[in-house]
């Protein structure tokens, strides 16, 4: 039994080593490096898009909380909205005038 165990262990180690060497060789080819580079570019683009979306959501939320008109809104609408609502904004503790 000892010889068959060591034979199987050696064969398994050889198969494992061959698979790892093939993967390493594929990574180091021109196509493999191009795939890695395109994956990094895609990841960077996705991160940029997520950051831009988060910034836009945070700005919208902040403008809503402060009662400021979004960019691109005509000044007449902004002035009309501030004159129609004479009550000062309420803060987190319900105190008038604190934001």
PDB file of N, CA and C in Angstrom:
ATOM      1  N   UNK A   1       0.809  -1.173   0.000  1.00  0.00           N
ATOM      2  CA  UNK A   1       0.000   0.000   0.000  1.00  0.00           C
ATOM      3  C   UNK A   1       0.868   1.259   0.000  1.00  0.00           C
ATOM      4  N   UNK A   2       1.983   1.220   0.587  1.00  0.00           N
ATOM      5  CA  UNK A   2       2.847   2.380   0.686  1.00  0.00           C
ATOM      6  C   UNK A   2       3.309   2.845  -0.695  1.00  0.00           C
ATOM      7  N   UNK A   3       3.651   1.902  -1.552  1.00  0.00           N
ATOM      8  CA  UNK A   3       4.121   2.285  -2.883  1.00  0.00           C
ATOM      9  C   UNK A   3       3.009   2.909  -3.710  1.00  0.00           C
ATOM     10  N   UNK A   4       1.809   2.364  -3.643  1.00  0.00           N
ATOM     11  CA  UNK A   4       0.693   2.925  -4.415  1.00  0.00           C
ATOM     12  C   UNK A   4       0.315   4.322  -3.901  1.00  0.00           C
ATOM     13  N   UNK A   5       0.416   4.535  -2.589  1.00  0.00           N
ATOM     14  CA  UNK A   5       0.133   5.855  -2.023  1.00  0.00           C
ATOM     15  C   UNK A   5       1.119   6.887  -2.561  1.00  0.00           C
ATOM     16  N   UNK A   6       2.407   6.563  -2.530  1.00  0.00           N
ATOM     17  CA  UNK A   6       3.418   7.497  -2.986  1.00  0.00           C
ATOM     18  C   UNK A   6       3.346   7.713  -4.493  1.00  0.00           C
ATOM     19  N   UNK A   7       2.951   6.682  -5.230  1.00  0.00           N
ATOM     20  CA  UNK A   7       2.764   6.840  -6.670  1.00  0.00           C
ATOM     21  C   UNK A   7       1.631   7.831  -6.939  1.00  0.00           C
ATOM     22  N   UNK A   8       0.500   7.678  -6.246  1.00  0.00           N
ATOM     23  CA  UNK A   8      -0.641   8.580  -6.423  1.00  0.00           C
ATOM     24  C   UNK A   8      -0.288  10.000  -5.980  1.00  0.00           C
ATOM     25  N   UNK A   9       0.450  10.117  -4.891  1.00  0.00           N
ATOM     26  CA  UNK A   9       0.854  11.444  -4.413  1.00  0.00           C
ATOM     27  C   UNK A   9       1.774  12.115  -5.427  1.00  0.00           C
ATOM     28  N   UNK A  10       2.694  11.391  -6.000  1.00  0.00           N
ATOM     29  CA  UNK A  10       3.601  11.942  -7.009  1.00  0.00           C
ATOM     30  C   UNK A  10       2.864  12.342  -8.272  1.00  0.00           C
ATOM     31  N   UNK A  11       1.923  11.501  -8.707  1.00  0.00           N
ATOM     32  CA  UNK A  11       1.140  11.821  -9.906  1.00  0.00           C
ATOM     33  C   UNK A  11       0.279  13.061  -9.666  1.00  0.00           C
ATOM     34  N   UNK A  12      -0.306  13.160  -8.489  1.00  0.00           N
ATOM     35  CA  UNK A  12      -1.114  14.347  -8.158  1.00  0.00           C
ATOM     36  C   UNK A  12      -0.277  15.609  -8.117  1.00  0.00           C
ATOM     37  N   UNK A  13       0.909  15.512  -7.540  1.00  0.00           N
ATOM     38  CA  UNK A  13       1.799  16.672  -7.482  1.00  0.00           C
ATOM     39  C   UNK A  13       2.241  17.081  -8.882  1.00  0.00           C
ATOM     40  N   UNK A  14       2.491  16.101  -9.745  1.00  0.00           N
ATOM     41  CA  UNK A  14       2.899  16.411 -11.112  1.00  0.00           C
ATOM     42  C   UNK A  14       1.769  17.109 -11.875  1.00  0.00           C
ATOM     43  N   UNK A  15       0.555  16.627 -11.744  1.00  0.00           N
ATOM     44  CA  UNK A  15      -0.592  17.244 -12.423  1.00  0.00           C
ATOM     45  C   UNK A  15      -0.791  18.671 -11.911  1.00  0.00           C
ATOM     46  N   UNK A  16      -0.715  18.849 -10.591  1.00  0.00           N
ATOM     47  CA  UNK A  16      -0.879  20.171  -9.986  1.00  0.00           C
ATOM     48  C   UNK A  16       0.190  21.137 -10.512  1.00  0.00           C
ATOM     49  N   UNK A  17       1.419  20.681 -10.576  1.00  0.00           N
ATOM     50  CA  UNK A  17       2.514  21.515 -11.047  1.00  0.00           C
ATOM     51  C   UNK A  17       2.336  21.881 -12.515  1.00  0.00           C
ATOM     52  N   UNK A  18       1.903  20.929 -13.326  1.00  0.00           N
ATOM     53  CA  UNK A  18       1.696  21.199 -14.747  1.00  0.00           C
ATOM     54  C   UNK A  18       0.598  22.248 -14.948  1.00  0.00           C
ATOM     55  N   UNK A  19      -0.471  22.141 -14.185  1.00  0.00           N
ATOM     56  CA  UNK A  19      -1.570  23.110 -14.315  1.00  0.00           C
ATOM     57  C   UNK A  19      -1.088  24.502 -13.920  1.00  0.00           C
ATOM     58  N   UNK A  20      -0.340  24.600 -12.826  1.00  0.00           N
ATOM     59  CA  UNK A  20       0.157  25.902 -12.368  1.00  0.00           C
ATOM     60  C   UNK A  20       1.126  26.511 -13.380  1.00  0.00           C
ATOM     61  N   UNK A  21       1.998  25.699 -13.964  1.00  0.00           N
ATOM     62  CA  UNK A  21       2.955  26.199 -14.951  1.00  0.00           C
ATOM     63  C   UNK A  21       2.228  26.672 -16.199  1.00  0.00           C
ATOM     64  N   UNK A  22       1.204  25.948 -16.638  1.00  0.00           N
ATOM     65  CA  UNK A  22       0.442  26.366 -17.812  1.00  0.00           C
ATOM     66  C   UNK A  22      -0.248  27.703 -17.568  1.00  0.00           C
ATOM     67  N   UNK A  23      -0.839  27.860 -16.392  1.00  0.00           N
ATOM     68  CA  UNK A  23      -1.502  29.133 -16.062  1.00  0.00           C
ATOM     69  C   UNK A  23      -0.495  30.278 -16.026  1.00  0.00           C
ATOM     70  N   UNK A  24       0.653  30.062 -15.432  1.00  0.00           N
ATOM     71  CA  UNK A  24       1.682  31.100 -15.375  1.00  0.00           C
ATOM     72  C   UNK A  24       2.171  31.445 -16.780  1.00  0.00           C
ATOM     73  N   UNK A  25       2.343  30.442 -17.631  1.00  0.00           N
ATOM     74  CA  UNK A  25       2.797  30.692 -18.998  1.00  0.00           C
ATOM     75  C   UNK A  25       1.741  31.467 -19.778  1.00  0.00           C
ATOM     76  N   UNK A  26       0.466  31.164 -19.567  1.00  0.00           N
ATOM     77  CA  UNK A  26      -0.610  31.873 -20.267  1.00  0.00           C
ATOM     78  C   UNK A  26      -0.669  33.327 -19.814  1.00  0.00           C
ATOM     79  N   UNK A  27      -0.443  33.578 -18.549  1.00  0.00           N
ATOM     80  CA  UNK A  27      -0.474  34.945 -18.028  1.00  0.00           C
ATOM     81  C   UNK A  27       0.656  35.771 -18.641  1.00  0.00           C
ATOM     82  N   UNK A  28       1.807  35.170 -18.856  1.00  0.00           N
ATOM     83  CA  UNK A  28       2.970  35.896 -19.345  1.00  0.00           C
ATOM     84  C   UNK A  28       3.021  36.037 -20.861  1.00  0.00           C
ATOM     85  N   UNK A  29       2.038  35.513 -21.578  1.00  0.00           N
ATOM     86  CA  UNK A  29       1.991  35.714 -23.030  1.00  0.00           C
ATOM     87  C   UNK A  29       1.440  37.105 -23.326  1.00  0.00           C
ATOM     88  N   UNK A  30       1.544  37.526 -24.568  1.00  0.00           N
ATOM     89  CA  UNK A  30       1.044  38.850 -24.964  1.00  0.00           C
ATOM     90  C   UNK A  30      -0.470  38.937 -24.762  1.00  0.00           C
ATOM     91  N   UNK A  31      -1.184  37.881 -25.133  1.00  0.00           N
ATOM     92  CA  UNK A  31      -2.642  37.892 -24.957  1.00  0.00           C
ATOM     93  C   UNK A  31      -3.022  37.902 -23.473  1.00  0.00           C
ATOM     94  N   UNK A  32      -2.292  37.149 -22.677  1.00  0.00           N
ATOM     95  CA  UNK A  32      -2.573  37.110 -21.245  1.00  0.00           C
ATOM     96  C   UNK A  32      -2.340  38.455 -20.581  1.00  0.00           C
ATOM     97  N   UNK A  33      -1.242  39.115 -20.956  1.00  0.00           N
ATOM     98  CA  UNK A  33      -0.962  40.437 -20.406  1.00  0.00           C
ATOM     99  C   UNK A  33      -1.988  41.463 -20.875  1.00  0.00           C
ATOM    100  N   UNK A  34      -2.416  41.345 -22.144  1.00  0.00           N
ATOM    101  CA  UNK A  34      -3.438  42.257 -22.665  1.00  0.00           C
ATOM    102  C   UNK A  34      -4.762  42.059 -21.915  1.00  0.00           C
ATOM    103  N   UNK A  35      -5.093  40.807 -21.613  1.00  0.00           N
ATOM    104  CA  UNK A  35      -6.314  40.537 -20.846  1.00  0.00           C
ATOM    105  C   UNK A  35      -6.229  41.154 -19.456  1.00  0.00           C
ATOM    106  N   UNK A  36      -5.091  41.015 -18.807  1.00  0.00           N
ATOM    107  CA  UNK A  36      -4.906  41.591 -17.468  1.00  0.00           C
ATOM    108  C   UNK A  36      -5.015  43.119 -17.515  1.00  0.00           C
ATOM    109  N   UNK A  37      -4.397  43.713 -18.522  1.00  0.00           N
ATOM    110  CA  UNK A  37      -4.433  45.158 -18.654  1.00  0.00           C
ATOM    111  C   UNK A  37      -5.850  45.658 -18.922  1.00  0.00           C
ATOM    112  N   UNK A  38      -6.582  44.967 -19.767  1.00  0.00           N
ATOM    113  CA  UNK A  38      -7.961  45.382 -20.041  1.00  0.00           C
ATOM    114  C   UNK A  38      -8.838  45.211 -18.797  1.00  0.00           C
ATOM    115  N   UNK A  39      -8.556  44.196 -17.992  1.00  0.00           N
ATOM    116  CA  UNK A  39      -9.310  44.017 -16.750  1.00  0.00           C
ATOM    117  C   UNK A  39      -9.031  45.156 -15.767  1.00  0.00           C
ATOM    118  N   UNK A  40      -7.784  45.605 -15.703  1.00  0.00           N
ATOM    119  CA  UNK A  40      -7.434  46.731 -14.828  1.00  0.00           C
ATOM    120  C   UNK A  40      -8.127  48.001 -15.318  1.00  0.00           C
ATOM    121  N   UNK A  41      -8.135  48.225 -16.621  1.00  0.00           N
ATOM    122  CA  UNK A  41      -8.812  49.402 -17.177  1.00  0.00           C
ATOM    123  C   UNK A  41     -10.306  49.372 -16.871  1.00  0.00           C
ATOM    124  N   UNK A  42     -10.913  48.214 -17.045  1.00  0.00           N
ATOM    125  CA  UNK A  42     -12.338  48.082 -16.763  1.00  0.00           C
ATOM    126  C   UNK A  42     -12.614  48.360 -15.287  1.00  0.00           C
ATOM    127  N   UNK A  43     -11.795  47.819 -14.414  1.00  0.00           N
ATOM    128  CA  UNK A  43     -11.966  48.062 -12.988  1.00  0.00           C
ATOM    129  C   UNK A  43     -11.833  49.531 -12.634  1.00  0.00           C
ATOM    130  N   UNK A  44     -10.862  50.208 -13.237  1.00  0.00           N
ATOM    131  CA  UNK A  44     -10.670  51.638 -12.980  1.00  0.00           C
ATOM    132  C   UNK A  44     -11.860  52.447 -13.484  1.00  0.00           C
ATOM    133  N   UNK A  45     -12.390  52.072 -14.645  1.00  0.00           N
ATOM    134  CA  UNK A  45     -13.553  52.778 -15.185  1.00  0.00           C
ATOM    135  C   UNK A  45     -14.766  52.594 -14.285  1.00  0.00           C
ATOM    136  N   UNK A  46     -14.972  51.377 -13.799  1.00  0.00           N
ATOM    137  CA  UNK A  46     -16.104  51.122 -12.909  1.00  0.00           C
ATOM    138  C   UNK A  46     -15.974  51.904 -11.604  1.00  0.00           C
ATOM    139  N   UNK A  47     -14.765  51.995 -11.080  1.00  0.00           N
ATOM    140  CA  UNK A  47     -14.551  52.762  -9.846  1.00  0.00           C
ATOM    141  C   UNK A  47     -14.839  54.238 -10.094  1.00  0.00           C
ATOM    142  N   UNK A  48     -14.356  54.779 -11.226  1.00  0.00           N
ATOM    143  CA  UNK A  48     -14.628  56.182 -11.551  1.00  0.00           C
ATOM    144  C   UNK A  48     -16.124  56.442 -11.663  1.00  0.00           C
ATOM    145  N   UNK A  49     -16.853  55.538 -12.322  1.00  0.00           N
ATOM    146  CA  UNK A  49     -18.300  55.713 -12.477  1.00  0.00           C
ATOM    147  C   UNK A  49     -19.008  55.662 -11.131  1.00  0.00           C
ATOM    148  N   UNK A  50     -18.597  54.739 -10.263  1.00  0.00           N
ATOM    149  CA  UNK A  50     -19.208  54.642  -8.932  1.00  0.00           C
ATOM    150  C   UNK A  50     -18.954  55.904  -8.118  1.00  0.00           C
ATOM    151  N   UNK A  51     -17.729  56.433  -8.190  1.00  0.00           N
ATOM    152  CA  UNK A  51     -17.403  57.655  -7.455  1.00  0.00           C
ATOM    153  C   UNK A  51     -18.219  58.826  -7.988  1.00  0.00           C
ATOM    154  N   UNK A  52     -18.322  58.952  -9.309  1.00  0.00           N
ATOM    155  CA  UNK A  52     -19.097  60.046  -9.900  1.00  0.00           C
ATOM    156  C   UNK A  52     -20.566  59.943  -9.507  1.00  0.00           C
ATOM    157  N   UNK A  53     -21.100  58.732  -9.515  1.00  0.00           N
ATOM    158  CA  UNK A  53     -22.503  58.548  -9.127  1.00  0.00           C
ATOM    159  C   UNK A  53     -22.698  58.899  -7.653  1.00  0.00           C
ATOM    160  N   UNK A  54     -21.783  58.488  -6.804  1.00  0.00           N
ATOM    161  CA  UNK A  54     -21.887  58.813  -5.380  1.00  0.00           C
ATOM    162  C   UNK A  54     -21.788  60.307  -5.131  1.00  0.00           C
ATOM    163  N   UNK A  55     -20.890  60.989  -5.859  1.00  0.00           N
ATOM    164  CA  UNK A  55     -20.771  62.437  -5.708  1.00  0.00           C
ATOM    165  C   UNK A  55     -22.054  63.136  -6.138  1.00  0.00           C
ATOM    166  N   UNK A  56     -22.652  62.685  -7.248  1.00  0.00           N
ATOM    167  CA  UNK A  56     -23.888  63.298  -7.729  1.00  0.00           C
ATOM    168  C   UNK A  56     -25.022  63.080  -6.732  1.00  0.00           C
ATOM    169  N   UNK A  57     -25.114  61.875  -6.183  1.00  0.00           N
ATOM    170  CA  UNK A  57     -26.159  61.599  -5.189  1.00  0.00           C
ATOM    171  C   UNK A  57     -25.952  62.428  -3.930  1.00  0.00           C
ATOM    172  N   UNK A  58     -24.697  62.559  -3.494  1.00  0.00           N
ATOM    173  CA  UNK A  58     -24.423  63.349  -2.298  1.00  0.00           C
ATOM    174  C   UNK A  58     -24.737  64.826  -2.540  1.00  0.00           C
ATOM    175  N   UNK A  59     -24.402  65.341  -3.724  1.00  0.00           N
ATOM    176  CA  UNK A  59     -24.696  66.734  -4.028  1.00  0.00           C
ATOM    177  C   UNK A  59     -26.198  66.967  -4.081  1.00  0.00           C
ATOM    178  N   UNK A  60     -26.933  66.050  -4.703  1.00  0.00           N
ATOM    179  CA  UNK A  60     -28.384  66.178  -4.773  1.00  0.00           C
ATOM    180  C   UNK A  60     -28.991  66.150  -3.379  1.00  0.00           C
ATOM    181  N   UNK A  61     -28.527  65.244  -2.544  1.00  0.00           N
ATOM    182  CA  UNK A  61     -29.038  65.145  -1.183  1.00  0.00           C
ATOM    183  C   UNK A  61     -28.723  66.413  -0.394  1.00  0.00           C
ATOM    184  N   UNK A  62     -27.508  66.912  -0.535  1.00  0.00           N
ATOM    185  CA  UNK A  62     -27.120  68.130   0.185  1.00  0.00           C
ATOM    186  C   UNK A  62     -27.934  69.326  -0.294  1.00  0.00           C
ATOM    187  N   UNK A  63     -28.123  69.458  -1.598  1.00  0.00           N
ATOM    188  CA  UNK A  63     -28.935  70.560  -2.128  1.00  0.00           C
ATOM    189  C   UNK A  63     -30.372  70.455  -1.641  1.00  0.00           C
ATOM    190  N   UNK A  64     -30.901  69.232  -1.558  1.00  0.00           N
ATOM    191  CA  UNK A  64     -32.262  69.053  -1.067  1.00  0.00           C
ATOM    192  C   UNK A  64     -32.355  69.463   0.397  1.00  0.00           C
ATOM    193  N   UNK A  65     -31.365  69.044   1.196  1.00  0.00           N
ATOM    194  CA  UNK A  65     -31.391  69.388   2.622  1.00  0.00           C
ATOM    195  C   UNK A  65     -31.223  70.882   2.860  1.00  0.00           C
ATOM    196  N   UNK A  66     -30.404  71.540   2.040  1.00  0.00           N
ATOM    197  CA  UNK A  66     -30.169  72.970   2.220  1.00  0.00           C
ATOM    198  C   UNK A  66     -31.224  73.829   1.534  1.00  0.00           C
ATOM    199  N   UNK A  67     -32.030  73.226   0.688  1.00  0.00           N
ATOM    200  CA  UNK A  67     -33.056  73.980  -0.025  1.00  0.00           C
ATOM    201  C   UNK A  67     -32.493  74.820  -1.144  1.00  0.00           C
ATOM    202  N   UNK A  68     -31.390  74.418  -1.716  1.00  0.00           N
ATOM    203  CA  UNK A  68     -30.752  75.137  -2.813  1.00  0.00           C
ATOM    204  C   UNK A  68     -31.222  74.517  -4.121  1.00  0.00           C
ATOM    205  N   UNK A  69     -31.471  75.362  -5.091  1.00  0.00           N
ATOM    206  CA  UNK A  69     -31.937  74.869  -6.390  1.00  0.00           C
ATOM    207  C   UNK A  69     -30.825  74.113  -7.086  1.00  0.00           C
ATOM    208  N   UNK A  70     -31.178  73.060  -7.812  1.00  0.00           N
ATOM    209  CA  UNK A  70     -30.155  72.325  -8.564  1.00  0.00           C
ATOM    210  C   UNK A  70     -29.581  73.189  -9.675  1.00  0.00           C
ATOM    211  N   UNK A  71     -28.364  72.889 -10.106  1.00  0.00           N
ATOM    212  CA  UNK A  71     -27.760  73.685 -11.177  1.00  0.00           C
ATOM    213  C   UNK A  71     -28.578  73.591 -12.454  1.00  0.00           C
ATOM    214  N   UNK A  72     -28.665  74.699 -13.169  1.00  0.00           N
ATOM    215  CA  UNK A  72     -29.430  74.717 -14.415  1.00  0.00           C
ATOM    216  C   UNK A  72     -30.851  75.189 -14.227  1.00  0.00           C
ATOM    217  N   UNK A  73     -31.280  75.447 -12.981  1.00  0.00           N
ATOM    218  CA  UNK A  73     -32.632  75.930 -12.728  1.00  0.00           C
ATOM    219  C   UNK A  73     -32.652  77.438 -12.971  1.00  0.00           C
ATOM    220  N   UNK A  74     -33.657  77.940 -13.709  1.00  0.00           N
ATOM    221  CA  UNK A  74     -33.722  79.396 -13.934  1.00  0.00           C
ATOM    222  C   UNK A  74     -33.848  80.150 -12.616  1.00  0.00           C
ATOM    223  N   UNK A  75     -33.274  81.339 -12.566  1.00  0.00           N
ATOM    224  CA  UNK A  75     -33.296  82.137 -11.342  1.00  0.00           C
ATOM    225  C   UNK A  75     -34.708  82.545 -10.945  1.00  0.00           C
ATOM    226  N   UNK A  76     -35.605  82.727 -11.927  1.00  0.00           N
ATOM    227  CA  UNK A  76     -36.973  83.119 -11.591  1.00  0.00           C
ATOM    228  C   UNK A  76     -37.659  82.040 -10.748  1.00  0.00           C
ATOM    229  N   UNK A  77     -37.438  80.783 -11.107  1.00  0.00           N
ATOM    230  CA  UNK A  77     -38.045  79.691 -10.343  1.00  0.00           C
ATOM    231  C   UNK A  77     -37.461  79.618  -8.943  1.00  0.00           C
ATOM    232  N   UNK A  78     -36.156  79.865  -8.825  1.00  0.00           N
ATOM    233  CA  UNK A  78     -35.507  79.830  -7.523  1.00  0.00           C
ATOM    234  C   UNK A  78     -36.019  80.958  -6.650  1.00  0.00           C
ATOM    235  N   UNK A  79     -36.127  82.165  -7.202  1.00  0.00           N
ATOM    236  CA  UNK A  79     -36.614  83.309  -6.429  1.00  0.00           C
ATOM    237  C   UNK A  79     -38.058  83.107  -6.028  1.00  0.00           C
ATOM    238  N   UNK A  80     -38.883  82.576  -6.934  1.00  0.00           N
ATOM    239  CA  UNK A  80     -40.284  82.337  -6.639  1.00  0.00           C
ATOM    240  C   UNK A  80     -40.425  81.296  -5.530  1.00  0.00           C
ATOM    241  N   UNK A  81     -39.596  80.269  -5.574  1.00  0.00           N
ATOM    242  CA  UNK A  81     -39.675  79.218  -4.559  1.00  0.00           C
ATOM    243  C   UNK A  81     -39.275  79.756  -3.190  1.00  0.00           C
ATOM    244  N   UNK A  82     -38.320  80.668  -3.118  1.00  0.00           N
ATOM    245  CA  UNK A  82     -37.911  81.193  -1.820  1.00  0.00           C
ATOM    246  C   UNK A  82     -38.924  82.191  -1.284  1.00  0.00           C
ATOM    247  N   UNK A  83     -39.648  82.920  -2.164  1.00  0.00           N
ATOM    248  CA  UNK A  83     -40.645  83.874  -1.688  1.00  0.00           C
ATOM    249  C   UNK A  83     -41.943  83.188  -1.305  1.00  0.00           C
ATOM    250  N   UNK A  84     -42.250  82.067  -1.907  1.00  0.00           N
ATOM    251  CA  UNK A  84     -43.481  81.357  -1.572  1.00  0.00           C
ATOM    252  C   UNK A  84     -43.386  80.658  -0.230  1.00  0.00           C
ATOM    253  N   UNK A  85     -42.196  80.335   0.239  1.00  0.00           N
ATOM    254  CA  UNK A  85     -42.017  79.607   1.493  1.00  0.00           C
ATOM    255  C   UNK A  85     -41.290  80.512   2.489  1.00  0.00           C
ATOM    256  N   UNK A  86     -42.044  81.338   3.244  1.00  0.00           N
ATOM    257  CA  UNK A  86     -41.388  82.280   4.145  1.00  0.00           C
ATOM    258  C   UNK A  86     -40.799  81.637   5.394  1.00  0.00           C
ATOM    259  N   UNK A  87     -41.142  80.392   5.699  1.00  0.00           N
ATOM    260  CA  UNK A  87     -40.647  79.749   6.923  1.00  0.00           C
ATOM    261  C   UNK A  87     -39.171  79.413   6.767  1.00  0.00           C
ATOM    262  N   UNK A  88     -38.365  79.722   7.786  1.00  0.00           N
ATOM    263  CA  UNK A  88     -36.940  79.364   7.709  1.00  0.00           C
ATOM    264  C   UNK A  88     -36.769  77.855   7.819  1.00  0.00           C
ATOM    265  N   UNK A  89     -35.689  77.330   7.282  1.00  0.00           N
ATOM    266  CA  UNK A  89     -35.478  75.878   7.373  1.00  0.00           C
ATOM    267  C   UNK A  89     -35.279  75.448   8.821  1.00  0.00           C
ATOM    268  N   UNK A  90     -35.692  74.254   9.108  1.00  0.00           N
ATOM    269  CA  UNK A  90     -35.551  73.717  10.463  1.00  0.00           C
ATOM    270  C   UNK A  90     -34.332  72.815  10.519  1.00  0.00           C
ATOM    271  N   UNK A  91     -33.633  72.875  11.628  1.00  0.00           N
ATOM    272  CA  UNK A  91     -32.429  72.064  11.825  1.00  0.00           C
ATOM    273  C   UNK A  91     -32.786  70.682  12.322  1.00  0.00           C
ATOM    274  N   UNK A  92     -31.810  69.871  12.638  1.00  0.00           N
ATOM    275  CA  UNK A  92     -32.044  68.489  13.070  1.00  0.00           C
ATOM    276  C   UNK A  92     -32.785  68.401  14.409  1.00  0.00           C
ATOM    277  N   UNK A  93     -32.624  69.424  15.278  1.00  0.00           N
ATOM    278  CA  UNK A  93     -33.297  69.376  16.578  1.00  0.00           C
ATOM    279  C   UNK A  93     -34.623  70.119  16.546  1.00  0.00           C
ATOM    280  N   UNK A  94     -35.090  70.529  15.356  1.00  0.00           N
ATOM    281  CA  UNK A  94     -36.335  71.252  15.252  1.00  0.00           C
ATOM    282  C   UNK A  94     -36.188  72.723  15.550  1.00  0.00           C
ATOM    283  N   UNK A  95     -34.976  73.213  15.670  1.00  0.00           N
ATOM    284  CA  UNK A  95     -34.736  74.624  15.953  1.00  0.00           C
ATOM    285  C   UNK A  95     -34.753  75.392  14.639  1.00  0.00           C
ATOM    286  N   UNK A  96     -35.426  76.515  14.656  1.00  0.00           N
ATOM    287  CA  UNK A  96     -35.516  77.320  13.441  1.00  0.00           C
ATOM    288  C   UNK A  96     -34.198  78.010  13.153  1.00  0.00           C
ATOM    289  N   UNK A  97     -33.869  78.079  11.875  1.00  0.00           N
ATOM    290  CA  UNK A  97     -32.691  78.814  11.462  1.00  0.00           C
ATOM    291  C   UNK A  97     -31.391  78.039  11.523  1.00  0.00           C
ATOM    292  N   UNK A  98     -31.387  76.822  12.083  1.00  0.00           N
ATOM    293  CA  UNK A  98     -30.148  76.042  12.114  1.00  0.00           C
ATOM    294  C   UNK A  98     -30.229  74.957  11.062  1.00  0.00           C
ATOM    295  N   UNK A  99     -29.128  74.753  10.422  1.00  0.00           N
ATOM    296  CA  UNK A  99     -29.108  73.716   9.377  1.00  0.00           C
ATOM    297  C   UNK A  99     -28.025  72.729   9.706  1.00  0.00           C
TER     298      UNK A  99
END
